[in-house]
N, C-alpha and C. Protein backbone atom coordinates (compact mmCIF):
# COMPACT_ATOMS: atom_id res chain seq x y z
N MET A 1 125.25 80.95 91.70
CA MET A 1 126.79 80.87 91.71
C MET A 1 127.25 82.54 91.45
N PRO A 2 127.92 83.37 92.24
CA PRO A 2 128.02 84.72 92.37
C PRO A 2 129.40 84.58 91.54
N ILE A 3 128.98 85.97 90.56
CA ILE A 3 130.20 86.46 89.82
C ILE A 3 130.39 87.62 90.43
N GLU A 4 131.64 87.79 90.24
CA GLU A 4 132.53 88.52 90.47
C GLU A 4 132.12 90.33 90.15
N ALA A 5 131.85 90.55 88.99
CA ALA A 5 131.55 91.69 88.27
C ALA A 5 130.17 92.09 88.74
N ILE A 6 129.49 91.07 89.37
CA ILE A 6 127.66 91.73 89.61
C ILE A 6 127.64 91.19 91.21
N ASP A 7 128.41 90.57 91.47
CA ASP A 7 128.69 90.16 92.99
C ASP A 7 129.43 90.79 93.59
N PRO A 8 129.65 91.78 94.87
CA PRO A 8 130.76 92.26 95.46
C PRO A 8 130.78 90.93 96.26
N GLU A 9 132.20 91.08 96.73
CA GLU A 9 132.86 89.61 97.82
C GLU A 9 131.70 90.07 99.01
N GLY A 10 132.03 89.19 99.77
CA GLY A 10 131.42 89.37 101.37
C GLY A 10 129.68 89.93 101.51
N ILE A 11 129.25 89.68 100.75
CA ILE A 11 127.80 89.97 101.18
C ILE A 11 126.94 89.15 101.58
N ALA A 12 126.30 89.37 102.14
CA ALA A 12 125.19 88.62 102.91
C ALA A 12 124.32 88.90 102.32
N TRP A 13 123.27 88.30 101.09
CA TRP A 13 121.95 88.45 100.61
C TRP A 13 120.89 87.83 101.09
N GLN A 14 120.06 89.03 101.45
CA GLN A 14 118.44 88.44 102.15
C GLN A 14 117.95 88.03 100.86
N ARG A 15 116.65 87.02 101.12
CA ARG A 15 115.87 86.79 100.00
C ARG A 15 114.49 87.37 100.30
N VAL A 16 113.73 87.02 99.36
CA VAL A 16 112.51 87.57 99.55
C VAL A 16 111.25 86.36 99.99
N SER A 17 110.51 86.42 100.53
CA SER A 17 109.65 85.79 101.10
C SER A 17 109.28 84.40 100.38
N PRO A 18 109.40 83.23 100.91
CA PRO A 18 109.03 81.76 99.87
C PRO A 18 107.45 81.97 99.27
N LYS A 19 106.88 82.97 100.05
CA LYS A 19 105.12 82.94 99.82
C LYS A 19 105.41 83.90 98.49
N PHE A 20 106.19 84.89 98.21
CA PHE A 20 106.58 85.26 96.62
C PHE A 20 106.19 84.59 95.74
N LEU A 21 106.95 83.04 95.98
CA LEU A 21 106.71 81.94 94.67
C LEU A 21 105.31 81.70 94.66
N LYS A 22 104.83 81.56 95.78
CA LYS A 22 103.06 80.91 95.72
C LYS A 22 102.35 82.21 94.62
N LEU A 23 102.53 83.84 94.95
CA LEU A 23 101.93 84.57 94.63
C LEU A 23 102.12 84.74 92.54
N ARG A 24 103.59 84.48 92.98
CA ARG A 24 103.83 84.62 91.26
C ARG A 24 103.26 83.11 90.22
N LEU A 25 103.32 81.92 91.03
CA LEU A 25 102.77 81.02 90.28
C LEU A 25 101.40 81.20 89.92
N VAL A 26 100.61 81.88 91.16
CA VAL A 26 98.97 81.68 90.91
C VAL A 26 98.85 82.80 89.88
N SER A 27 99.36 83.89 89.89
CA SER A 27 99.72 84.77 88.89
C SER A 27 99.82 83.89 87.44
N TRP A 28 100.51 83.33 87.43
CA TRP A 28 101.08 82.56 86.15
C TRP A 28 99.90 81.71 85.84
N ALA A 29 99.58 80.89 86.85
CA ALA A 29 98.51 79.51 86.31
C ALA A 29 97.24 80.65 86.00
N ILE A 30 96.67 81.81 86.27
CA ILE A 30 95.79 82.28 85.89
C ILE A 30 95.79 82.64 84.89
N GLY A 31 96.94 84.00 84.32
CA GLY A 31 97.02 84.08 83.40
C GLY A 31 97.41 82.74 81.83
N SER A 32 98.04 81.79 82.34
CA SER A 32 98.27 80.63 81.08
C SER A 32 96.42 80.09 80.87
N ALA A 33 95.51 79.88 82.03
CA ALA A 33 94.44 79.53 82.32
C ALA A 33 93.62 79.97 81.04
N ILE A 34 93.60 81.25 81.33
CA ILE A 34 92.90 82.57 80.50
C ILE A 34 93.10 82.30 79.25
N ALA A 35 94.42 82.36 78.80
CA ALA A 35 95.12 82.42 77.29
C ALA A 35 94.89 80.76 76.71
N LEU A 36 94.68 80.24 77.71
CA LEU A 36 94.69 78.21 76.64
C LEU A 36 93.17 78.56 76.68
N LEU A 37 92.43 79.17 77.32
CA LEU A 37 91.05 79.00 76.95
C LEU A 37 90.75 79.54 75.76
N VAL A 38 91.42 81.10 75.71
CA VAL A 38 90.60 81.87 74.45
C VAL A 38 91.34 81.17 73.46
N LEU A 39 92.26 80.69 73.25
CA LEU A 39 92.78 80.14 72.02
C LEU A 39 92.31 78.83 72.10
N SER A 40 91.72 78.33 72.86
CA SER A 40 91.09 76.75 72.64
C SER A 40 89.78 76.94 71.54
N LEU A 41 89.59 77.90 72.01
CA LEU A 41 87.83 78.36 71.27
C LEU A 41 88.29 77.97 69.75
N PRO A 42 88.84 78.19 68.98
CA PRO A 42 88.83 77.49 67.84
C PRO A 42 88.52 76.20 67.43
N LEU A 43 89.71 75.82 68.24
CA LEU A 43 89.59 74.43 68.03
C LEU A 43 88.28 73.50 68.52
N VAL A 44 87.35 74.10 69.37
CA VAL A 44 86.26 73.80 70.15
C VAL A 44 85.71 74.10 68.46
N PHE A 45 85.44 75.13 68.13
CA PHE A 45 84.65 75.30 67.00
C PHE A 45 84.86 74.45 65.67
N VAL A 46 86.15 74.29 65.45
CA VAL A 46 86.20 73.12 64.39
C VAL A 46 86.07 71.59 64.41
N GLN A 47 86.16 71.22 65.86
CA GLN A 47 85.72 69.99 65.95
C GLN A 47 84.20 69.73 66.47
N LEU A 48 83.40 71.26 66.37
CA LEU A 48 81.76 71.08 66.68
C LEU A 48 81.41 71.12 65.00
N GLY A 49 82.26 71.57 64.59
CA GLY A 49 81.70 71.21 63.00
C GLY A 49 81.03 73.19 62.52
N TRP A 50 81.36 73.94 63.62
CA TRP A 50 80.52 75.24 63.73
C TRP A 50 81.60 76.20 62.46
N TRP A 51 83.02 75.60 62.32
CA TRP A 51 83.66 76.64 61.49
C TRP A 51 84.61 75.03 60.80
N SER A 52 84.62 75.44 59.59
CA SER A 52 85.40 74.54 58.22
C SER A 52 86.71 75.22 58.15
N TRP A 53 86.81 76.64 58.78
CA TRP A 53 88.36 77.04 58.43
C TRP A 53 88.67 77.44 59.73
N PRO A 54 89.76 77.15 60.51
CA PRO A 54 90.78 77.35 60.38
C PRO A 54 91.11 75.48 60.21
N PRO A 55 92.07 74.90 59.44
CA PRO A 55 92.34 73.50 59.81
C PRO A 55 92.62 72.96 61.02
N LEU A 56 92.38 71.63 61.35
CA LEU A 56 92.48 71.52 62.60
C LEU A 56 94.17 71.52 63.19
N TRP A 57 94.94 71.51 62.32
CA TRP A 57 96.54 71.99 62.82
C TRP A 57 96.64 73.27 63.05
N VAL A 58 96.03 73.96 62.44
CA VAL A 58 96.10 75.43 62.44
C VAL A 58 95.44 75.83 64.05
N ALA A 59 94.24 75.26 64.07
CA ALA A 59 93.18 75.49 65.76
C ALA A 59 94.08 74.97 66.77
N VAL A 60 94.63 73.51 66.43
CA VAL A 60 95.88 73.07 67.67
C VAL A 60 96.92 73.83 68.12
N ALA A 61 97.75 74.59 67.20
CA ALA A 61 98.89 75.58 67.61
C ALA A 61 99.16 76.28 68.66
N PRO A 62 97.97 77.28 68.53
CA PRO A 62 98.11 78.17 69.59
C PRO A 62 98.16 77.46 71.12
N PRO A 63 96.84 76.81 71.23
CA PRO A 63 96.94 75.73 72.38
C PRO A 63 98.37 75.21 72.95
N VAL A 64 98.92 74.43 72.09
CA VAL A 64 99.94 73.85 72.25
C VAL A 64 101.15 74.94 72.50
N LEU A 65 100.93 75.68 71.90
CA LEU A 65 102.45 76.71 72.07
C LEU A 65 102.01 77.38 73.49
N VAL A 66 100.60 77.69 73.65
CA VAL A 66 100.64 78.32 75.28
C VAL A 66 100.99 76.86 76.44
N LEU A 67 100.75 75.87 75.76
CA LEU A 67 101.24 75.18 77.11
C LEU A 67 102.75 74.57 77.27
N VAL A 68 103.60 74.90 76.13
CA VAL A 68 104.83 74.97 76.02
C VAL A 68 105.37 75.76 76.41
N ILE A 69 104.98 77.25 76.21
CA ILE A 69 105.25 78.43 77.33
C ILE A 69 105.07 78.36 78.63
N ALA A 70 104.01 77.57 78.82
CA ALA A 70 103.15 77.45 80.49
C ALA A 70 104.67 76.49 81.16
N LEU A 71 104.68 75.26 80.50
CA LEU A 71 105.49 74.82 81.28
C LEU A 71 106.94 75.28 81.35
N TRP A 72 107.59 76.03 80.33
CA TRP A 72 108.87 76.97 80.41
C TRP A 72 108.79 77.58 81.95
N LYS A 73 107.50 78.36 81.61
CA LYS A 73 107.63 79.90 82.86
C LYS A 73 107.28 78.92 84.46
N LEU A 74 106.88 77.71 84.34
CA LEU A 74 107.06 77.07 85.39
C LEU A 74 108.13 76.43 85.91
N VAL A 75 109.39 76.12 85.02
CA VAL A 75 110.75 75.86 85.34
C VAL A 75 111.38 77.51 85.99
N LEU A 76 110.85 78.47 85.25
CA LEU A 76 111.72 79.42 85.63
C LEU A 76 111.17 80.94 86.39
N ILE A 77 110.28 80.55 86.74
CA ILE A 77 109.88 81.23 87.75
C ILE A 77 110.33 81.29 89.34
N PRO A 78 110.56 80.07 89.59
CA PRO A 78 111.11 79.32 90.83
C PRO A 78 112.49 79.90 90.93
N ARG A 79 113.41 80.00 89.66
CA ARG A 79 114.74 80.54 89.80
C ARG A 79 114.76 82.03 89.88
N GLN A 80 113.41 82.52 88.96
CA GLN A 80 113.41 84.13 89.48
C GLN A 80 113.45 84.48 90.59
N VAL A 81 112.63 83.91 91.63
CA VAL A 81 112.29 84.44 93.01
C VAL A 81 113.60 84.44 93.57
N ARG A 82 114.58 83.03 93.16
CA ARG A 82 115.41 82.61 94.05
C ARG A 82 116.83 83.94 93.90
N ALA A 83 116.68 84.43 92.43
CA ALA A 83 117.48 85.29 92.35
C ALA A 83 117.40 86.59 92.84
N ILE A 84 116.22 86.77 93.52
CA ILE A 84 115.90 88.23 93.74
C ILE A 84 116.35 88.60 95.50
N GLY A 85 117.34 89.90 95.63
CA GLY A 85 117.91 89.94 96.96
C GLY A 85 117.86 91.35 96.91
N TYR A 86 118.28 91.83 98.40
CA TYR A 86 118.87 92.58 98.23
C TYR A 86 120.01 92.56 99.84
N ALA A 87 120.76 93.56 99.82
CA ALA A 87 121.87 93.83 100.89
C ALA A 87 122.23 95.25 101.41
N GLU A 88 122.31 95.19 102.72
CA GLU A 88 122.50 96.80 103.42
C GLU A 88 123.61 96.99 103.25
N ARG A 89 124.57 98.18 103.23
CA ARG A 89 125.63 98.22 103.04
C ARG A 89 125.72 99.50 103.89
N GLU A 90 127.18 99.75 104.59
CA GLU A 90 126.98 101.33 104.70
C GLU A 90 126.76 102.07 104.08
N ASP A 91 126.97 102.50 103.12
CA ASP A 91 126.82 103.87 102.78
C ASP A 91 125.21 103.49 101.32
N ASP A 92 125.17 102.24 101.34
CA ASP A 92 124.34 101.96 100.15
C ASP A 92 123.20 100.94 100.27
N LEU A 93 122.43 100.46 99.35
CA LEU A 93 121.60 99.31 99.19
C LEU A 93 121.65 98.97 98.07
N LEU A 94 121.97 97.13 97.68
CA LEU A 94 122.33 96.31 96.69
C LEU A 94 120.87 95.78 96.49
N ILE A 95 120.50 95.58 95.43
CA ILE A 95 119.56 95.13 94.83
C ILE A 95 119.74 94.39 93.67
N ARG A 96 119.52 92.98 93.72
CA ARG A 96 119.78 92.05 92.79
C ARG A 96 118.38 91.26 92.29
N GLY A 97 118.69 90.90 91.01
CA GLY A 97 117.70 89.91 90.25
C GLY A 97 118.42 89.57 88.98
N GLY A 98 117.33 88.27 88.43
CA GLY A 98 117.82 88.16 86.77
C GLY A 98 118.81 86.93 87.17
N ILE A 99 117.92 85.90 86.04
CA ILE A 99 118.93 84.81 85.91
C ILE A 99 119.71 84.41 84.80
N ILE A 100 118.95 85.28 83.47
CA ILE A 100 119.99 85.11 82.24
C ILE A 100 120.78 86.32 81.98
N PHE A 101 119.90 87.74 82.12
CA PHE A 101 120.49 88.87 82.43
C PHE A 101 120.03 89.04 83.82
N GLN A 102 121.73 89.08 84.34
CA GLN A 102 121.62 89.37 86.02
C GLN A 102 121.68 90.74 85.99
N ARG A 103 121.64 91.20 87.23
CA ARG A 103 121.41 92.87 87.48
C ARG A 103 121.52 92.89 88.72
N THR A 104 122.84 94.20 89.48
CA THR A 104 122.50 94.28 90.97
C THR A 104 122.64 95.79 90.53
N MET A 105 122.09 96.62 91.26
CA MET A 105 121.71 97.68 91.31
C MET A 105 122.19 98.12 92.40
N VAL A 106 122.65 99.02 92.78
CA VAL A 106 123.48 100.18 93.88
C VAL A 106 122.75 101.29 94.20
N VAL A 107 122.01 101.82 95.04
CA VAL A 107 120.97 102.64 95.42
C VAL A 107 121.65 103.68 96.84
N PRO A 108 122.81 104.79 96.54
CA PRO A 108 123.24 105.17 97.73
C PRO A 108 121.99 105.87 98.51
N TYR A 109 122.55 105.85 99.67
CA TYR A 109 121.20 106.26 101.12
C TYR A 109 120.90 107.88 100.54
N GLY A 110 121.61 108.46 100.15
CA GLY A 110 121.82 109.79 100.24
C GLY A 110 121.36 110.43 98.93
N ARG A 111 121.12 109.52 97.72
CA ARG A 111 120.21 109.54 96.75
C ARG A 111 118.80 109.55 96.57
N MET A 112 118.20 109.06 98.01
CA MET A 112 116.97 108.55 98.16
C MET A 112 116.24 109.80 98.13
N GLN A 113 115.36 109.75 97.78
CA GLN A 113 113.99 111.00 97.94
C GLN A 113 112.88 110.52 98.66
N TYR A 114 112.60 109.26 98.51
CA TYR A 114 111.51 108.68 99.34
C TYR A 114 111.38 107.27 98.91
N VAL A 115 110.91 106.54 99.92
CA VAL A 115 110.88 104.94 100.27
C VAL A 115 109.22 104.80 100.14
N ASP A 116 108.87 103.86 99.08
CA ASP A 116 107.01 103.61 99.19
C ASP A 116 107.13 102.16 99.35
N ILE A 117 106.20 101.66 99.79
CA ILE A 117 105.78 100.28 100.24
C ILE A 117 104.25 100.01 99.47
N GLY A 118 104.19 99.44 98.59
CA GLY A 118 102.76 98.98 97.82
C GLY A 118 102.34 97.83 98.69
N VAL A 119 101.02 97.23 98.31
CA VAL A 119 100.40 96.04 98.84
C VAL A 119 99.08 96.06 97.90
N GLY A 120 98.93 95.17 97.18
CA GLY A 120 97.85 94.66 96.40
C GLY A 120 96.91 93.60 97.63
N PRO A 121 96.01 93.41 97.13
CA PRO A 121 94.84 92.42 97.69
C PRO A 121 95.32 91.16 97.86
N VAL A 122 96.13 90.85 96.81
CA VAL A 122 96.65 89.54 97.20
C VAL A 122 98.00 89.50 97.85
N GLU A 123 98.81 90.35 97.49
CA GLU A 123 99.67 90.37 98.42
C GLU A 123 99.51 90.80 100.06
N ARG A 124 98.52 91.26 100.16
CA ARG A 124 98.12 91.41 101.57
C ARG A 124 97.54 90.27 102.41
N SER A 125 97.11 89.34 101.33
CA SER A 125 96.61 88.17 102.17
C SER A 125 97.34 87.30 102.15
N LEU A 126 98.46 87.36 101.46
CA LEU A 126 100.26 86.56 101.73
C LEU A 126 100.89 87.06 102.89
N GLY A 127 100.39 88.46 103.19
CA GLY A 127 101.28 89.01 104.34
C GLY A 127 102.77 89.64 103.90
N LEU A 128 102.25 89.90 102.37
CA LEU A 128 103.65 90.26 101.49
C LEU A 128 103.46 92.11 101.15
N CYS A 129 104.67 92.46 100.83
CA CYS A 129 104.43 93.76 100.17
C CYS A 129 105.75 94.50 99.13
N THR A 130 105.61 95.23 98.39
CA THR A 130 106.51 95.67 97.50
C THR A 130 107.44 97.11 98.04
N LEU A 131 108.41 97.07 97.73
CA LEU A 131 109.04 98.68 98.35
C LEU A 131 109.86 99.05 97.27
N LYS A 132 109.64 100.27 96.74
CA LYS A 132 110.06 100.89 95.85
C LYS A 132 110.77 102.33 96.49
N LEU A 133 112.23 102.26 95.56
CA LEU A 133 112.67 103.31 96.10
C LEU A 133 112.80 104.36 94.98
N HIS A 134 112.44 105.84 95.31
CA HIS A 134 112.54 106.79 94.31
C HIS A 134 113.71 107.61 94.43
N THR A 135 114.65 107.80 93.67
CA THR A 135 115.58 108.55 93.68
C THR A 135 115.66 109.40 92.71
N ALA A 136 116.77 110.53 92.51
CA ALA A 136 116.76 111.79 91.70
C ALA A 136 116.62 111.15 90.09
N ALA A 137 117.34 110.06 90.26
CA ALA A 137 117.22 109.81 88.74
C ALA A 137 115.89 109.32 88.41
N VAL A 138 115.44 109.63 87.10
CA VAL A 138 114.46 109.14 86.73
C VAL A 138 113.87 107.53 86.04
N GLY A 139 114.75 107.39 85.56
CA GLY A 139 114.96 105.61 85.08
C GLY A 139 115.41 104.95 86.48
N THR A 140 115.56 104.98 87.71
CA THR A 140 116.01 104.23 88.21
C THR A 140 114.20 103.13 88.60
N ASN A 141 114.63 102.30 88.62
CA ASN A 141 113.35 100.99 88.77
C ASN A 141 113.85 100.02 90.03
N ALA A 142 114.09 100.71 91.37
CA ALA A 142 114.52 100.31 92.23
C ALA A 142 113.65 99.58 93.29
N THR A 143 113.13 98.25 92.67
CA THR A 143 111.94 97.67 93.69
C THR A 143 112.39 96.21 94.40
N ILE A 144 111.91 96.13 95.62
CA ILE A 144 112.08 94.82 96.04
C ILE A 144 110.61 94.17 96.67
N PRO A 145 110.55 93.75 95.40
CA PRO A 145 108.88 92.69 95.90
C PRO A 145 109.32 91.15 96.59
N GLY A 146 107.94 91.33 97.10
CA GLY A 146 107.90 89.76 97.94
C GLY A 146 108.17 90.00 99.19
N LEU A 147 108.13 90.88 99.99
CA LEU A 147 109.15 91.43 101.24
C LEU A 147 107.75 91.21 101.96
N PRO A 148 108.48 90.37 103.62
CA PRO A 148 107.33 90.02 104.39
C PRO A 148 106.92 91.34 104.91
N ALA A 149 105.64 91.51 105.22
CA ALA A 149 105.16 93.15 106.03
C ALA A 149 106.01 93.61 106.70
N ALA A 150 106.06 93.09 107.90
CA ALA A 150 107.24 93.48 109.05
C ALA A 150 108.58 93.77 108.53
N GLU A 151 108.96 93.30 107.29
CA GLU A 151 110.38 93.39 106.70
C GLU A 151 110.64 93.97 106.17
N GLY A 152 109.34 94.48 105.39
CA GLY A 152 109.04 96.07 104.58
C GLY A 152 108.93 97.38 105.36
N ALA A 153 108.30 97.09 106.56
CA ALA A 153 107.82 98.21 107.39
C ALA A 153 109.58 98.77 107.90
N ARG A 154 109.92 97.37 108.14
CA ARG A 154 111.29 97.88 108.90
C ARG A 154 112.37 98.26 108.09
N LEU A 155 112.35 97.65 106.62
CA LEU A 155 113.23 98.52 105.50
C LEU A 155 113.08 99.97 105.33
N ARG A 156 111.78 100.52 105.18
CA ARG A 156 111.30 101.06 104.91
C ARG A 156 111.88 102.42 105.95
N GLU A 157 111.68 102.31 107.06
CA GLU A 157 111.97 103.29 108.02
C GLU A 157 113.64 103.28 108.46
N GLN A 158 114.21 102.16 108.32
CA GLN A 158 115.64 101.81 107.97
C GLN A 158 116.32 102.94 107.14
N LEU A 159 115.87 102.76 105.63
CA LEU A 159 116.65 103.15 104.63
C LEU A 159 116.12 105.06 104.76
N THR A 160 114.70 104.99 105.15
CA THR A 160 114.57 106.78 105.27
C THR A 160 115.55 107.35 106.51
N ALA A 161 115.70 106.75 107.49
CA ALA A 161 116.51 107.38 108.39
C ALA A 161 117.99 107.16 108.03
N ARG A 162 118.57 106.42 107.07
CA ARG A 162 120.17 106.57 106.87
C ARG A 162 120.07 107.44 105.64
N GLY A 163 119.08 107.35 104.69
CA GLY A 163 118.47 108.61 103.93
C GLY A 163 118.79 110.07 104.25
N GLU A 164 118.27 110.20 105.24
CA GLU A 164 117.86 111.47 105.96
C GLU A 164 119.55 111.74 106.35
N ALA A 165 119.93 110.79 106.89
CA ALA A 165 121.16 110.98 107.84
C ALA A 165 122.51 111.62 106.66
N ARG A 166 122.20 110.79 105.76
CA ARG A 166 123.20 110.54 104.49
C ARG A 166 122.83 112.53 103.80
N LEU A 167 121.64 113.12 103.95
CA LEU A 167 121.16 114.21 103.17
C LEU A 167 121.86 115.55 104.01
N ALA A 168 121.49 115.01 105.05
CA ALA A 168 122.21 116.28 106.54
C ALA A 168 123.24 116.34 106.20
N GLY A 169 124.42 115.71 105.85
CA GLY A 169 125.70 115.36 105.56
C GLY A 169 126.34 116.60 104.26
N LEU A 170 125.42 116.62 103.11
CA LEU A 170 125.44 117.26 102.27
C LEU A 170 125.47 118.66 102.26
């Protein structure tokens, strides 16, 4: 649902690859499994009689909390991935994200210093990359995660060419 304050009219947003959802879900599942395993150890020790403290309800609370948070993230992650998008305009690049706290970032081509593509081993196996835009502003965190590798390379070349053209005009 577009919001006029952050969604300019007539913008055709490009979405990230659906494979990025798989990447986020696998990362979430691994982290949740490790947290559940570690936080379940006191429960196991209490059940085996190795510990008389903490009481059973104190030992059960952390794993239950991890499960509740994990289920919430299972609902949240697909919506977060669907909210990520970018749009190329004549003079700038728009990057959007967020579902509760929505954000649309405008990066003028003439302000780009360089464009970086990062690929980790899991991203590489899925054919994905993360595009990072570096500008003169230190606080700029302009990244587009989950791009197909070919689209990331195309976008890097396109943005670099547009940025050089805008800088030449200064």
